[in-house]
């Protein structure tokens, strides 16, 4: 199973990332994205400065991340896509 993802932004500027992750890869991916959640990953982005809340949840088919920006902030989705893609394809950010 290929690991794929979709990214959506809602009217409150929250970004939701839904990922299809093979069951055998889910635990490892949770760990990798937990590093992002903690700000200890290798992503070279300033998007963390805009972050109010980072929710990481397992789903039946993979993982879901919801990023909530600070008031008045919006995320650059291309930066977020690059980090997610790096984690899914190579196992490390960017």
PDB file of N, CA and C in Angstrom:
ATOM      1  N   UNK A   1       0.848  -1.194   0.000  1.00  0.00           N
ATOM      2  CA  UNK A   1       0.000   0.000   0.000  1.00  0.00           C
ATOM      3  C   UNK A   1       0.882   1.242   0.000  1.00  0.00           C
ATOM      4  N   UNK A   2       0.628   2.150  -0.928  1.00  0.00           N
ATOM      5  CA  UNK A   2       1.351   3.415  -0.962  1.00  0.00           C
ATOM      6  C   UNK A   2       0.776   4.359   0.072  1.00  0.00           C
ATOM      7  N   UNK A   3       1.648   5.076   0.753  1.00  0.00           N
ATOM      8  CA  UNK A   3       1.212   6.078   1.711  1.00  0.00           C
ATOM      9  C   UNK A   3       0.882   7.350   0.948  1.00  0.00           C
ATOM     10  N   UNK A   4      -0.370   7.809   1.041  1.00  0.00           N
ATOM     11  CA  UNK A   4      -0.807   9.009   0.344  1.00  0.00           C
ATOM     12  C   UNK A   4      -1.454   9.952   1.344  1.00  0.00           C
ATOM     13  N   UNK A   5      -1.638  11.217   0.940  1.00  0.00           N
ATOM     14  CA  UNK A   5      -2.277  12.171   1.837  1.00  0.00           C
ATOM     15  C   UNK A   5      -3.072  13.206   1.064  1.00  0.00           C
ATOM     16  N   UNK A   6      -3.987  13.851   1.779  1.00  0.00           N
ATOM     17  CA  UNK A   6      -4.725  14.994   1.247  1.00  0.00           C
ATOM     18  C   UNK A   6      -4.676  16.089   2.298  1.00  0.00           C
ATOM     19  N   UNK A   7      -4.737  17.313   1.840  1.00  0.00           N
ATOM     20  CA  UNK A   7      -4.631  18.468   2.725  1.00  0.00           C
ATOM     21  C   UNK A   7      -5.792  19.403   2.417  1.00  0.00           C
ATOM     22  N   UNK A   8      -6.495  19.843   3.458  1.00  0.00           N
ATOM     23  CA  UNK A   8      -7.627  20.759   3.289  1.00  0.00           C
ATOM     24  C   UNK A   8      -7.507  21.891   4.296  1.00  0.00           C
ATOM     25  N   UNK A   9      -7.914  23.068   3.876  1.00  0.00           N
ATOM     26  CA  UNK A   9      -7.964  24.233   4.760  1.00  0.00           C
ATOM     27  C   UNK A   9      -9.429  24.621   4.927  1.00  0.00           C
ATOM     28  N   UNK A  10      -9.849  24.874   6.169  1.00  0.00           N
ATOM     29  CA  UNK A  10     -11.237  25.248   6.409  1.00  0.00           C
ATOM     30  C   UNK A  10     -11.380  26.763   6.586  1.00  0.00           C
ATOM     31  N   UNK A  11     -12.604  27.216   6.854  1.00  0.00           N
ATOM     32  CA  UNK A  11     -12.890  28.651   6.960  1.00  0.00           C
ATOM     33  C   UNK A  11     -12.217  29.315   8.157  1.00  0.00           C
ATOM     34  N   UNK A  12     -11.772  28.552   9.147  1.00  0.00           N
ATOM     35  CA  UNK A  12     -11.032  29.116  10.286  1.00  0.00           C
ATOM     36  C   UNK A  12      -9.516  29.035  10.077  1.00  0.00           C
ATOM     37  N   UNK A  13      -9.091  28.728   8.863  1.00  0.00           N
ATOM     38  CA  UNK A  13      -7.681  28.619   8.469  1.00  0.00           C
ATOM     39  C   UNK A  13      -6.985  27.407   9.082  1.00  0.00           C
ATOM     40  N   UNK A  14      -7.771  26.473   9.643  1.00  0.00           N
ATOM     41  CA  UNK A  14      -7.176  25.220  10.134  1.00  0.00           C
ATOM     42  C   UNK A  14      -6.826  24.350   8.935  1.00  0.00           C
ATOM     43  N   UNK A  15      -5.727  23.628   9.053  1.00  0.00           N
ATOM     44  CA  UNK A  15      -5.305  22.698   8.012  1.00  0.00           C
ATOM     45  C   UNK A  15      -5.495  21.285   8.548  1.00  0.00           C
ATOM     46  N   UNK A  16      -6.208  20.471   7.784  1.00  0.00           N
ATOM     47  CA  UNK A  16      -6.392  19.075   8.136  1.00  0.00           C
ATOM     48  C   UNK A  16      -5.686  18.222   7.097  1.00  0.00           C
ATOM     49  N   UNK A  17      -4.836  17.332   7.577  1.00  0.00           N
ATOM     50  CA  UNK A  17      -4.085  16.427   6.719  1.00  0.00           C
ATOM     51  C   UNK A  17      -4.570  15.018   7.020  1.00  0.00           C
ATOM     52  N   UNK A  18      -5.095  14.357   6.007  1.00  0.00           N
ATOM     53  CA  UNK A  18      -5.542  12.971   6.147  1.00  0.00           C
ATOM     54  C   UNK A  18      -4.587  12.097   5.364  1.00  0.00           C
ATOM     55  N   UNK A  19      -4.053  11.073   6.021  1.00  0.00           N
ATOM     56  CA  UNK A  19      -3.064  10.210   5.396  1.00  0.00           C
ATOM     57  C   UNK A  19      -3.519   8.776   5.403  1.00  0.00           C
ATOM     58  N   UNK A  20      -3.372   8.111   4.265  1.00  0.00           N
ATOM     59  CA  UNK A  20      -3.547   6.665   4.196  1.00  0.00           C
ATOM     60  C   UNK A  20      -2.179   6.071   4.462  1.00  0.00           C
ATOM     61  N   UNK A  21      -2.088   5.289   5.523  1.00  0.00           N
ATOM     62  CA  UNK A  21      -0.819   4.685   5.919  1.00  0.00           C
ATOM     63  C   UNK A  21      -1.063   3.201   6.158  1.00  0.00           C
ATOM     64  N   UNK A  22      -0.213   2.365   5.594  1.00  0.00           N
ATOM     65  CA  UNK A  22      -0.332   0.928   5.798  1.00  0.00           C
ATOM     66  C   UNK A  22      -0.295   0.615   7.293  1.00  0.00           C
ATOM     67  N   UNK A  23      -1.072  -0.358   7.719  1.00  0.00           N
ATOM     68  CA  UNK A  23      -1.173  -0.704   9.140  1.00  0.00           C
ATOM     69  C   UNK A  23       0.193  -0.970   9.753  1.00  0.00           C
ATOM     70  N   UNK A  24       1.064  -1.635   9.017  1.00  0.00           N
ATOM     71  CA  UNK A  24       2.384  -1.957   9.553  1.00  0.00           C
ATOM     72  C   UNK A  24       3.292  -0.732   9.673  1.00  0.00           C
ATOM     73  N   UNK A  25       2.934   0.365   9.013  1.00  0.00           N
ATOM     74  CA  UNK A  25       3.722   1.600   9.069  1.00  0.00           C
ATOM     75  C   UNK A  25       3.153   2.635  10.030  1.00  0.00           C
ATOM     76  N   UNK A  26       1.944   2.394  10.536  1.00  0.00           N
ATOM     77  CA  UNK A  26       1.242   3.428  11.294  1.00  0.00           C
ATOM     78  C   UNK A  26       1.995   3.845  12.558  1.00  0.00           C
ATOM     79  N   UNK A  27       2.514   2.914  13.305  1.00  0.00           N
ATOM     80  CA  UNK A  27       3.221   3.246  14.546  1.00  0.00           C
ATOM     81  C   UNK A  27       4.454   4.099  14.271  1.00  0.00           C
ATOM     82  N   UNK A  28       5.232   3.727  13.270  1.00  0.00           N
ATOM     83  CA  UNK A  28       6.437   4.486  12.915  1.00  0.00           C
ATOM     84  C   UNK A  28       6.074   5.892  12.444  1.00  0.00           C
ATOM     85  N   UNK A  29       5.001   5.996  11.673  1.00  0.00           N
ATOM     86  CA  UNK A  29       4.574   7.314  11.194  1.00  0.00           C
ATOM     87  C   UNK A  29       4.065   8.175  12.352  1.00  0.00           C
ATOM     88  N   UNK A  30       3.386   7.558  13.299  1.00  0.00           N
ATOM     89  CA  UNK A  30       2.941   8.311  14.484  1.00  0.00           C
ATOM     90  C   UNK A  30       4.152   8.906  15.200  1.00  0.00           C
ATOM     91  N   UNK A  31       5.215   8.128  15.322  1.00  0.00           N
ATOM     92  CA  UNK A  31       6.431   8.619  15.975  1.00  0.00           C
ATOM     93  C   UNK A  31       7.052   9.772  15.202  1.00  0.00           C
ATOM     94  N   UNK A  32       7.118   9.633  13.892  1.00  0.00           N
ATOM     95  CA  UNK A  32       7.719  10.692  13.075  1.00  0.00           C
ATOM     96  C   UNK A  32       6.927  11.995  13.167  1.00  0.00           C
ATOM     97  N   UNK A  33       5.594  11.884  13.090  1.00  0.00           N
ATOM     98  CA  UNK A  33       4.785  13.094  13.160  1.00  0.00           C
ATOM     99  C   UNK A  33       4.681  13.626  14.586  1.00  0.00           C
ATOM    100  N   UNK A  34       4.902  12.769  15.581  1.00  0.00           N
ATOM    101  CA  UNK A  34       4.972  13.255  16.962  1.00  0.00           C
ATOM    102  C   UNK A  34       6.185  14.173  17.115  1.00  0.00           C
ATOM    103  N   UNK A  35       7.275  13.878  16.412  1.00  0.00           N
ATOM    104  CA  UNK A  35       8.442  14.771  16.429  1.00  0.00           C
ATOM    105  C   UNK A  35       8.068  16.129  15.829  1.00  0.00           C
ATOM    106  N   UNK A  36       7.263  16.116  14.783  1.00  0.00           N
ATOM    107  CA  UNK A  36       6.775  17.382  14.216  1.00  0.00           C
ATOM    108  C   UNK A  36       5.901  18.105  15.235  1.00  0.00           C
ATOM    109  N   UNK A  37       5.037  17.345  15.876  1.00  0.00           N
ATOM    110  CA  UNK A  37       4.135  17.916  16.870  1.00  0.00           C
ATOM    111  C   UNK A  37       4.921  18.577  18.002  1.00  0.00           C
ATOM    112  N   UNK A  38       6.026  17.968  18.391  1.00  0.00           N
ATOM    113  CA  UNK A  38       6.863  18.486  19.472  1.00  0.00           C
ATOM    114  C   UNK A  38       7.855  19.552  19.011  1.00  0.00           C
ATOM    115  N   UNK A  39       7.923  19.773  17.698  1.00  0.00           N
ATOM    116  CA  UNK A  39       8.870  20.753  17.169  1.00  0.00           C
ATOM    117  C   UNK A  39      10.300  20.255  17.159  1.00  0.00           C
ATOM    118  N   UNK A  40      10.484  18.927  17.182  1.00  0.00           N
ATOM    119  CA  UNK A  40      11.833  18.358  17.206  1.00  0.00           C
ATOM    120  C   UNK A  40      12.201  17.642  15.909  1.00  0.00           C
ATOM    121  N   UNK A  41      11.438  17.850  14.860  1.00  0.00           N
ATOM    122  CA  UNK A  41      11.745  17.212  13.578  1.00  0.00           C
ATOM    123  C   UNK A  41      12.756  18.059  12.805  1.00  0.00           C
ATOM    124  N   UNK A  42      13.095  17.600  11.611  1.00  0.00           N
ATOM    125  CA  UNK A  42      14.095  18.287  10.793  1.00  0.00           C
ATOM    126  C   UNK A  42      13.502  19.294   9.809  1.00  0.00           C
ATOM    127  N   UNK A  43      12.205  19.527   9.870  1.00  0.00           N
ATOM    128  CA  UNK A  43      11.584  20.477   8.938  1.00  0.00           C
ATOM    129  C   UNK A  43      12.223  21.850   9.091  1.00  0.00           C
ATOM    130  N   UNK A  44      12.608  22.405   7.984  1.00  0.00           N
ATOM    131  CA  UNK A  44      13.202  23.733   8.010  1.00  0.00           C
ATOM    132  C   UNK A  44      12.153  24.721   7.523  1.00  0.00           C
ATOM    133  N   UNK A  45      11.228  25.014   8.426  1.00  0.00           N
ATOM    134  CA  UNK A  45      10.135  25.914   8.098  1.00  0.00           C
ATOM    135  C   UNK A  45       9.856  26.824   9.288  1.00  0.00           C
ATOM    136  N   UNK A  46       9.348  27.985   8.988  1.00  0.00           N
ATOM    137  CA  UNK A  46       8.957  28.920  10.051  1.00  0.00           C
ATOM    138  C   UNK A  46       7.461  28.816  10.363  1.00  0.00           C
ATOM    139  N   UNK A  47       6.799  27.838   9.787  1.00  0.00           N
ATOM    140  CA  UNK A  47       5.361  27.676  10.009  1.00  0.00           C
ATOM    141  C   UNK A  47       5.046  27.378  11.475  1.00  0.00           C
ATOM    142  N   UNK A  48       6.012  26.824  12.214  1.00  0.00           N
ATOM    143  CA  UNK A  48       5.789  26.565  13.641  1.00  0.00           C
ATOM    144  C   UNK A  48       5.452  27.836  14.402  1.00  0.00           C
ATOM    145  N   UNK A  49       5.979  28.969  13.950  1.00  0.00           N
ATOM    146  CA  UNK A  49       5.722  30.244  14.622  1.00  0.00           C
ATOM    147  C   UNK A  49       4.245  30.626  14.565  1.00  0.00           C
ATOM    148  N   UNK A  50       3.526  30.099  13.589  1.00  0.00           N
ATOM    149  CA  UNK A  50       2.109  30.407  13.407  1.00  0.00           C
ATOM    150  C   UNK A  50       1.192  29.426  14.133  1.00  0.00           C
ATOM    151  N   UNK A  51       1.750  28.355  14.685  1.00  0.00           N
ATOM    152  CA  UNK A  51       0.983  27.240  15.211  1.00  0.00           C
ATOM    153  C   UNK A  51       0.447  27.486  16.615  1.00  0.00           C
ATOM    154  N   UNK A  52      -0.857  27.335  16.755  1.00  0.00           N
ATOM    155  CA  UNK A  52      -1.523  27.382  18.060  1.00  0.00           C
ATOM    156  C   UNK A  52      -1.680  25.976  18.630  1.00  0.00           C
ATOM    157  N   UNK A  53      -2.105  25.043  17.749  1.00  0.00           N
ATOM    158  CA  UNK A  53      -2.410  23.694  18.210  1.00  0.00           C
ATOM    159  C   UNK A  53      -2.102  22.680  17.109  1.00  0.00           C
ATOM    160  N   UNK A  54      -1.577  21.523  17.501  1.00  0.00           N
ATOM    161  CA  UNK A  54      -1.222  20.440  16.587  1.00  0.00           C
ATOM    162  C   UNK A  54      -1.839  19.163  17.145  1.00  0.00           C
ATOM    163  N   UNK A  55      -2.875  18.653  16.483  1.00  0.00           N
ATOM    164  CA  UNK A  55      -3.525  17.417  16.916  1.00  0.00           C
ATOM    165  C   UNK A  55      -3.119  16.290  15.972  1.00  0.00           C
ATOM    166  N   UNK A  56      -2.650  15.187  16.531  1.00  0.00           N
ATOM    167  CA  UNK A  56      -2.225  14.008  15.778  1.00  0.00           C
ATOM    168  C   UNK A  56      -3.064  12.831  16.249  1.00  0.00           C
ATOM    169  N   UNK A  57      -3.833  12.235  15.329  1.00  0.00           N
ATOM    170  CA  UNK A  57      -4.755  11.162  15.693  1.00  0.00           C
ATOM    171  C   UNK A  57      -4.628   9.979  14.741  1.00  0.00           C
ATOM    172  N   UNK A  58      -4.624   8.747  15.278  1.00  0.00           N
ATOM    173  CA  UNK A  58      -4.696   7.580  14.403  1.00  0.00           C
ATOM    174  C   UNK A  58      -6.122   7.451  13.862  1.00  0.00           C
ATOM    175  N   UNK A  59      -6.257   6.917  12.667  1.00  0.00           N
ATOM    176  CA  UNK A  59      -7.562   6.639  12.068  1.00  0.00           C
ATOM    177  C   UNK A  59      -7.551   5.181  11.594  1.00  0.00           C
ATOM    178  N   UNK A  60      -8.691   4.626  11.230  1.00  0.00           N
ATOM    179  CA  UNK A  60      -8.703   3.226  10.771  1.00  0.00           C
ATOM    180  C   UNK A  60      -7.780   2.968   9.570  1.00  0.00           C
ATOM    181  N   UNK A  61      -7.598   3.981   8.712  1.00  0.00           N
ATOM    182  CA  UNK A  61      -6.784   3.800   7.507  1.00  0.00           C
ATOM    183  C   UNK A  61      -5.462   4.546   7.539  1.00  0.00           C
ATOM    184  N   UNK A  62      -5.128   5.166   8.663  1.00  0.00           N
ATOM    185  CA  UNK A  62      -3.883   5.919   8.687  1.00  0.00           C
ATOM    186  C   UNK A  62      -3.799   6.903   9.825  1.00  0.00           C
ATOM    187  N   UNK A  63      -3.558   8.160   9.476  1.00  0.00           N
ATOM    188  CA  UNK A  63      -3.386   9.217  10.461  1.00  0.00           C
ATOM    189  C   UNK A  63      -4.121  10.474  10.021  1.00  0.00           C
ATOM    190  N   UNK A  64      -4.439  11.308  10.999  1.00  0.00           N
ATOM    191  CA  UNK A  64      -5.048  12.610  10.729  1.00  0.00           C
ATOM    192  C   UNK A  64      -4.321  13.633  11.597  1.00  0.00           C
ATOM    193  N   UNK A  65      -3.954  14.733  10.975  1.00  0.00           N
ATOM    194  CA  UNK A  65      -3.326  15.850  11.685  1.00  0.00           C
ATOM    195  C   UNK A  65      -4.196  17.071  11.460  1.00  0.00           C
ATOM    196  N   UNK A  66      -4.464  17.789  12.538  1.00  0.00           N
ATOM    197  CA  UNK A  66      -5.155  19.066  12.397  1.00  0.00           C
ATOM    198  C   UNK A  66      -4.279  20.153  13.001  1.00  0.00           C
ATOM    199  N   UNK A  67      -3.960  21.140  12.176  1.00  0.00           N
ATOM    200  CA  UNK A  67      -3.134  22.263  12.579  1.00  0.00           C
ATOM    201  C   UNK A  67      -4.018  23.495  12.735  1.00  0.00           C
ATOM    202  N   UNK A  68      -3.984  24.096  13.899  1.00  0.00           N
ATOM    203  CA  UNK A  68      -4.766  25.301  14.165  1.00  0.00           C
ATOM    204  C   UNK A  68      -3.788  26.463  14.296  1.00  0.00           C
ATOM    205  N   UNK A  69      -3.990  27.518  13.482  1.00  0.00           N
ATOM    206  CA  UNK A  69      -3.068  28.657  13.559  1.00  0.00           C
ATOM    207  C   UNK A  69      -3.424  29.605  14.705  1.00  0.00           C
ATOM    208  N   UNK A  70      -2.452  30.395  15.089  1.00  0.00           N
ATOM    209  CA  UNK A  70      -2.709  31.473  16.039  1.00  0.00           C
ATOM    210  C   UNK A  70      -3.655  32.473  15.382  1.00  0.00           C
ATOM    211  N   UNK A  71      -4.336  33.267  16.189  1.00  0.00           N
ATOM    212  CA  UNK A  71      -5.279  34.269  15.668  1.00  0.00           C
ATOM    213  C   UNK A  71      -4.587  35.172  14.656  1.00  0.00           C
ATOM    214  N   UNK A  72      -5.251  35.366  13.517  1.00  0.00           N
ATOM    215  CA  UNK A  72      -4.739  36.249  12.474  1.00  0.00           C
ATOM    216  C   UNK A  72      -3.681  35.638  11.579  1.00  0.00           C
ATOM    217  N   UNK A  73      -3.336  34.383  11.801  1.00  0.00           N
ATOM    218  CA  UNK A  73      -2.303  33.712  11.009  1.00  0.00           C
ATOM    219  C   UNK A  73      -2.926  32.732  10.017  1.00  0.00           C
ATOM    220  N   UNK A  74      -2.247  32.501   8.907  1.00  0.00           N
ATOM    221  CA  UNK A  74      -2.604  31.439   7.971  1.00  0.00           C
ATOM    222  C   UNK A  74      -1.323  30.696   7.606  1.00  0.00           C
ATOM    223  N   UNK A  75      -1.468  29.415   7.366  1.00  0.00           N
ATOM    224  CA  UNK A  75      -0.320  28.587   7.017  1.00  0.00           C
ATOM    225  C   UNK A  75      -0.040  28.638   5.524  1.00  0.00           C
ATOM    226  N   UNK A  76       1.222  28.489   5.179  1.00  0.00           N
ATOM    227  CA  UNK A  76       1.617  28.296   3.779  1.00  0.00           C
ATOM    228  C   UNK A  76       1.550  26.791   3.530  1.00  0.00           C
ATOM    229  N   UNK A  77       0.494  26.365   2.862  1.00  0.00           N
ATOM    230  CA  UNK A  77       0.245  24.940   2.712  1.00  0.00           C
ATOM    231  C   UNK A  77       1.351  24.240   1.924  1.00  0.00           C
ATOM    232  N   UNK A  78       2.032  24.937   1.033  1.00  0.00           N
ATOM    233  CA  UNK A  78       3.108  24.291   0.279  1.00  0.00           C
ATOM    234  C   UNK A  78       4.246  23.852   1.196  1.00  0.00           C
ATOM    235  N   UNK A  79       4.483  24.586   2.273  1.00  0.00           N
ATOM    236  CA  UNK A  79       5.504  24.207   3.261  1.00  0.00           C
ATOM    237  C   UNK A  79       5.067  22.954   4.019  1.00  0.00           C
ATOM    238  N   UNK A  80       3.811  22.919   4.392  1.00  0.00           N
ATOM    239  CA  UNK A  80       3.282  21.774   5.128  1.00  0.00           C
ATOM    240  C   UNK A  80       3.275  20.533   4.237  1.00  0.00           C
ATOM    241  N   UNK A  81       2.861  20.693   2.992  1.00  0.00           N
ATOM    242  CA  UNK A  81       2.853  19.571   2.050  1.00  0.00           C
ATOM    243  C   UNK A  81       4.256  18.984   1.883  1.00  0.00           C
ATOM    244  N   UNK A  82       5.248  19.842   1.791  1.00  0.00           N
ATOM    245  CA  UNK A  82       6.630  19.391   1.620  1.00  0.00           C
ATOM    246  C   UNK A  82       7.075  18.535   2.803  1.00  0.00           C
ATOM    247  N   UNK A  83       6.744  18.956   4.010  1.00  0.00           N
ATOM    248  CA  UNK A  83       7.125  18.198   5.206  1.00  0.00           C
ATOM    249  C   UNK A  83       6.390  16.861   5.294  1.00  0.00           C
ATOM    250  N   UNK A  84       5.089  16.873   5.015  1.00  0.00           N
ATOM    251  CA  UNK A  84       4.311  15.633   5.065  1.00  0.00           C
ATOM    252  C   UNK A  84       4.824  14.663   4.016  1.00  0.00           C
ATOM    253  N   UNK A  85       5.024  15.157   2.813  1.00  0.00           N
ATOM    254  CA  UNK A  85       5.506  14.308   1.723  1.00  0.00           C
ATOM    255  C   UNK A  85       6.864  13.700   2.071  1.00  0.00           C
ATOM    256  N   UNK A  86       7.751  14.485   2.644  1.00  0.00           N
ATOM    257  CA  UNK A  86       9.061  13.972   3.041  1.00  0.00           C
ATOM    258  C   UNK A  86       8.942  12.855   4.052  1.00  0.00           C
ATOM    259  N   UNK A  87       8.078  13.017   5.037  1.00  0.00           N
ATOM    260  CA  UNK A  87       7.879  11.982   6.046  1.00  0.00           C
ATOM    261  C   UNK A  87       7.310  10.706   5.435  1.00  0.00           C
ATOM    262  N   UNK A  88       6.346  10.831   4.565  1.00  0.00           N
ATOM    263  CA  UNK A  88       5.716   9.658   3.979  1.00  0.00           C
ATOM    264  C   UNK A  88       6.621   8.934   2.997  1.00  0.00           C
ATOM    265  N   UNK A  89       7.396   9.675   2.206  1.00  0.00           N
ATOM    266  CA  UNK A  89       8.216   9.054   1.169  1.00  0.00           C
ATOM    267  C   UNK A  89       9.568   8.567   1.664  1.00  0.00           C
ATOM    268  N   UNK A  90      10.215   9.348   2.516  1.00  0.00           N
ATOM    269  CA  UNK A  90      11.581   9.008   2.916  1.00  0.00           C
ATOM    270  C   UNK A  90      11.720   8.713   4.395  1.00  0.00           C
ATOM    271  N   UNK A  91      10.687   9.018   5.152  1.00  0.00           N
ATOM    272  CA  UNK A  91      10.750   8.772   6.575  1.00  0.00           C
ATOM    273  C   UNK A  91      11.374   9.900   7.362  1.00  0.00           C
ATOM    274  N   UNK A  92      11.680  11.023   6.694  1.00  0.00           N
ATOM    275  CA  UNK A  92      12.176  12.189   7.420  1.00  0.00           C
ATOM    276  C   UNK A  92      11.643  13.448   6.752  1.00  0.00           C
ATOM    277  N   UNK A  93      11.524  14.486   7.536  1.00  0.00           N
ATOM    278  CA  UNK A  93      10.994  15.749   7.027  1.00  0.00           C
ATOM    279  C   UNK A  93      11.935  16.358   6.000  1.00  0.00           C
ATOM    280  N   UNK A  94      11.348  17.070   5.133  1.00  0.00           N
ATOM    281  CA  UNK A  94      12.008  17.962   4.182  1.00  0.00           C
ATOM    282  C   UNK A  94      13.373  17.491   3.783  1.00  0.00           C
TER     283      UNK A  94
END
